[in-house]
């Protein structure tokens, strides 16, 4: 799968533009190889988008006007 395919699929699923998705930098995450040590503990790459928006809003307004809530 090419990066452009990923961007289009994510854009379609989220309703965002392909350029916005490209700027956010989505990519496929591959499973760790069986050759790697099991103690390494590779986990998924996760971004808490509520936290990102909270930090952006706080930076732009200079105050804590939005606080993310757990779903």
N, C-alpha and C. Protein backbone atom coordinates (compact mmCIF):
# COMPACT_ATOMS: atom_id res chain seq x y z
N UNK A 1 0.86 -1.18 0.00
CA UNK A 1 0.00 0.00 0.00
C UNK A 1 0.90 1.24 0.00
N UNK A 2 0.56 2.18 -0.82
CA UNK A 2 1.31 3.43 -0.91
C UNK A 2 0.75 4.46 0.08
N UNK A 3 1.59 5.43 0.41
CA UNK A 3 1.17 6.48 1.34
C UNK A 3 -0.07 7.20 0.82
N UNK A 4 -0.14 7.44 -0.47
CA UNK A 4 -1.31 8.15 -1.03
C UNK A 4 -2.59 7.35 -0.83
N UNK A 5 -2.50 6.01 -0.87
CA UNK A 5 -3.67 5.17 -0.61
C UNK A 5 -4.13 5.31 0.84
N UNK A 6 -3.17 5.36 1.75
CA UNK A 6 -3.48 5.52 3.17
C UNK A 6 -4.16 6.87 3.40
N UNK A 7 -3.57 7.93 2.83
CA UNK A 7 -4.12 9.27 3.01
C UNK A 7 -5.55 9.34 2.50
N UNK A 8 -5.80 8.76 1.32
CA UNK A 8 -7.16 8.79 0.75
C UNK A 8 -8.14 8.01 1.62
N UNK A 9 -7.73 6.85 2.10
CA UNK A 9 -8.62 6.02 2.93
C UNK A 9 -8.95 6.73 4.25
N UNK A 10 -7.95 7.31 4.89
CA UNK A 10 -8.18 8.01 6.16
C UNK A 10 -9.03 9.25 5.93
N UNK A 11 -8.75 9.98 4.85
CA UNK A 11 -9.54 11.18 4.54
C UNK A 11 -11.00 10.82 4.30
N UNK A 12 -11.24 9.74 3.59
CA UNK A 12 -12.61 9.31 3.33
C UNK A 12 -13.31 8.90 4.63
N UNK A 13 -12.59 8.20 5.49
CA UNK A 13 -13.18 7.73 6.75
C UNK A 13 -13.45 8.86 7.73
N UNK A 14 -12.62 9.91 7.70
CA UNK A 14 -12.75 10.99 8.69
C UNK A 14 -13.46 12.22 8.17
N UNK A 15 -13.56 12.35 6.84
CA UNK A 15 -14.18 13.54 6.27
C UNK A 15 -13.21 14.70 6.14
N UNK A 16 -11.95 14.49 6.47
CA UNK A 16 -10.92 15.52 6.32
C UNK A 16 -10.41 15.52 4.88
N UNK A 17 -9.69 16.58 4.52
CA UNK A 17 -9.09 16.62 3.20
C UNK A 17 -7.83 15.76 3.18
N UNK A 18 -7.46 15.31 1.99
CA UNK A 18 -6.25 14.50 1.86
C UNK A 18 -5.03 15.30 2.29
N UNK A 19 -5.00 16.59 2.00
CA UNK A 19 -3.85 17.40 2.40
C UNK A 19 -3.74 17.50 3.92
N UNK A 20 -4.87 17.59 4.62
CA UNK A 20 -4.84 17.62 6.09
C UNK A 20 -4.30 16.30 6.62
N UNK A 21 -4.76 15.20 6.07
CA UNK A 21 -4.29 13.88 6.51
C UNK A 21 -2.80 13.74 6.23
N UNK A 22 -2.35 14.20 5.08
CA UNK A 22 -0.93 14.14 4.73
C UNK A 22 -0.11 14.92 5.76
N UNK A 23 -0.59 16.09 6.16
CA UNK A 23 0.13 16.91 7.15
C UNK A 23 0.21 16.21 8.50
N UNK A 24 -0.82 15.43 8.84
CA UNK A 24 -0.82 14.72 10.12
C UNK A 24 0.11 13.51 10.10
N UNK A 25 0.43 13.01 8.90
CA UNK A 25 1.45 11.97 8.77
C UNK A 25 1.01 10.57 9.11
N UNK A 26 -0.11 10.12 8.61
CA UNK A 26 -0.55 8.76 8.85
C UNK A 26 0.33 7.77 8.10
N UNK A 27 0.54 6.59 8.67
CA UNK A 27 1.29 5.53 8.01
C UNK A 27 0.86 4.19 8.59
N UNK A 28 1.20 3.12 7.87
CA UNK A 28 0.92 1.78 8.37
C UNK A 28 1.96 1.42 9.42
N UNK A 29 1.53 0.71 10.43
CA UNK A 29 2.44 0.23 11.46
C UNK A 29 2.53 -1.27 11.30
N UNK A 30 3.75 -1.76 11.10
CA UNK A 30 3.94 -3.18 10.92
C UNK A 30 4.15 -3.87 12.25
N UNK A 31 3.71 -5.12 12.31
CA UNK A 31 3.92 -5.92 13.51
C UNK A 31 5.41 -6.18 13.67
N UNK A 32 5.91 -6.24 14.90
CA UNK A 32 7.32 -6.55 15.10
C UNK A 32 7.64 -7.95 14.57
N UNK A 33 8.83 -8.12 14.08
CA UNK A 33 9.26 -9.40 13.55
C UNK A 33 9.41 -10.41 14.69
N UNK A 34 9.18 -11.69 14.38
CA UNK A 34 9.38 -12.75 15.37
C UNK A 34 10.84 -12.86 15.78
N UNK A 35 11.73 -12.31 14.94
CA UNK A 35 13.15 -12.37 15.24
C UNK A 35 13.54 -11.41 16.36
N UNK A 36 12.70 -10.45 16.65
CA UNK A 36 13.01 -9.49 17.72
C UNK A 36 12.78 -10.11 19.08
N UNK A 37 13.48 -9.60 20.05
CA UNK A 37 13.35 -10.06 21.42
C UNK A 37 11.95 -9.73 21.94
N UNK A 38 11.26 -10.70 22.50
CA UNK A 38 9.90 -10.49 23.01
C UNK A 38 9.86 -9.49 24.17
N UNK A 39 10.99 -9.26 24.84
CA UNK A 39 11.02 -8.33 25.96
C UNK A 39 11.03 -6.87 25.53
N UNK A 40 11.19 -6.62 24.23
CA UNK A 40 11.27 -5.24 23.75
C UNK A 40 9.97 -4.51 24.02
N UNK A 41 8.82 -5.18 23.84
CA UNK A 41 7.53 -4.58 24.17
C UNK A 41 7.06 -3.51 23.21
N UNK A 42 7.20 -3.72 21.92
CA UNK A 42 6.70 -2.75 20.97
C UNK A 42 5.19 -2.69 21.06
N UNK A 43 4.65 -1.50 21.17
CA UNK A 43 3.21 -1.32 21.24
C UNK A 43 2.75 -0.44 20.09
N UNK A 44 1.46 -0.22 19.99
CA UNK A 44 0.96 0.63 18.91
C UNK A 44 1.33 2.09 19.13
N UNK A 45 1.50 2.80 18.05
CA UNK A 45 1.72 4.24 18.14
C UNK A 45 0.36 4.89 18.25
N UNK A 46 0.12 5.60 19.34
CA UNK A 46 -1.20 6.16 19.60
C UNK A 46 -1.08 7.66 19.83
N UNK A 47 -1.99 8.40 19.22
CA UNK A 47 -2.07 9.84 19.45
C UNK A 47 -3.44 10.14 20.05
N UNK A 48 -3.46 10.81 21.18
CA UNK A 48 -4.71 11.23 21.79
C UNK A 48 -5.10 12.57 21.16
N UNK A 49 -5.98 12.52 20.16
CA UNK A 49 -6.34 13.73 19.41
C UNK A 49 -7.07 14.74 20.29
N UNK A 50 -7.77 14.30 21.32
CA UNK A 50 -8.40 15.23 22.25
C UNK A 50 -7.34 16.06 22.96
N UNK A 51 -6.26 15.40 23.36
CA UNK A 51 -5.17 16.11 24.03
C UNK A 51 -4.48 17.09 23.07
N UNK A 52 -4.29 16.67 21.83
CA UNK A 52 -3.68 17.56 20.84
C UNK A 52 -4.52 18.81 20.65
N UNK A 53 -5.83 18.64 20.49
CA UNK A 53 -6.71 19.79 20.32
C UNK A 53 -6.73 20.67 21.56
N UNK A 54 -6.71 20.06 22.73
CA UNK A 54 -6.67 20.80 23.98
C UNK A 54 -5.42 21.69 24.04
N UNK A 55 -4.26 21.10 23.71
CA UNK A 55 -3.02 21.86 23.75
C UNK A 55 -3.01 22.96 22.70
N UNK A 56 -3.54 22.69 21.52
CA UNK A 56 -3.61 23.72 20.48
C UNK A 56 -4.51 24.87 20.92
N UNK A 57 -5.66 24.55 21.49
CA UNK A 57 -6.60 25.58 21.93
C UNK A 57 -5.99 26.42 23.05
N UNK A 58 -5.30 25.77 23.97
CA UNK A 58 -4.68 26.48 25.09
C UNK A 58 -3.57 27.40 24.60
N UNK A 59 -2.78 26.93 23.63
CA UNK A 59 -1.70 27.75 23.08
C UNK A 59 -2.24 28.96 22.33
N UNK A 60 -3.32 28.76 21.57
CA UNK A 60 -3.83 29.86 20.75
C UNK A 60 -4.61 30.88 21.56
N UNK A 61 -5.25 30.44 22.65
CA UNK A 61 -6.06 31.39 23.42
C UNK A 61 -5.34 31.90 24.67
N UNK A 62 -4.34 31.20 25.09
CA UNK A 62 -3.63 31.61 26.29
C UNK A 62 -4.32 31.20 27.57
N UNK A 63 -5.41 30.44 27.45
CA UNK A 63 -6.12 29.96 28.64
C UNK A 63 -6.60 28.54 28.40
N UNK A 64 -7.04 27.90 29.44
CA UNK A 64 -7.53 26.53 29.34
C UNK A 64 -9.04 26.57 29.11
N UNK A 65 -9.42 26.84 27.84
CA UNK A 65 -10.84 26.98 27.52
C UNK A 65 -11.50 25.65 27.19
N UNK A 66 -10.73 24.62 26.96
CA UNK A 66 -11.30 23.32 26.60
C UNK A 66 -10.56 22.24 27.33
N UNK A 67 -11.27 21.35 27.92
CA UNK A 67 -10.64 20.24 28.62
C UNK A 67 -11.19 18.94 28.07
N UNK A 68 -10.35 18.05 27.51
CA UNK A 68 -10.86 16.81 26.93
C UNK A 68 -11.48 15.91 28.00
N UNK A 69 -12.51 15.22 27.62
CA UNK A 69 -13.20 14.29 28.52
C UNK A 69 -13.06 12.89 27.98
N UNK A 70 -13.02 11.92 28.85
CA UNK A 70 -12.96 10.52 28.42
C UNK A 70 -14.32 10.13 27.88
N UNK A 71 -14.28 9.30 26.86
CA UNK A 71 -15.54 8.85 26.24
C UNK A 71 -16.08 7.65 26.97
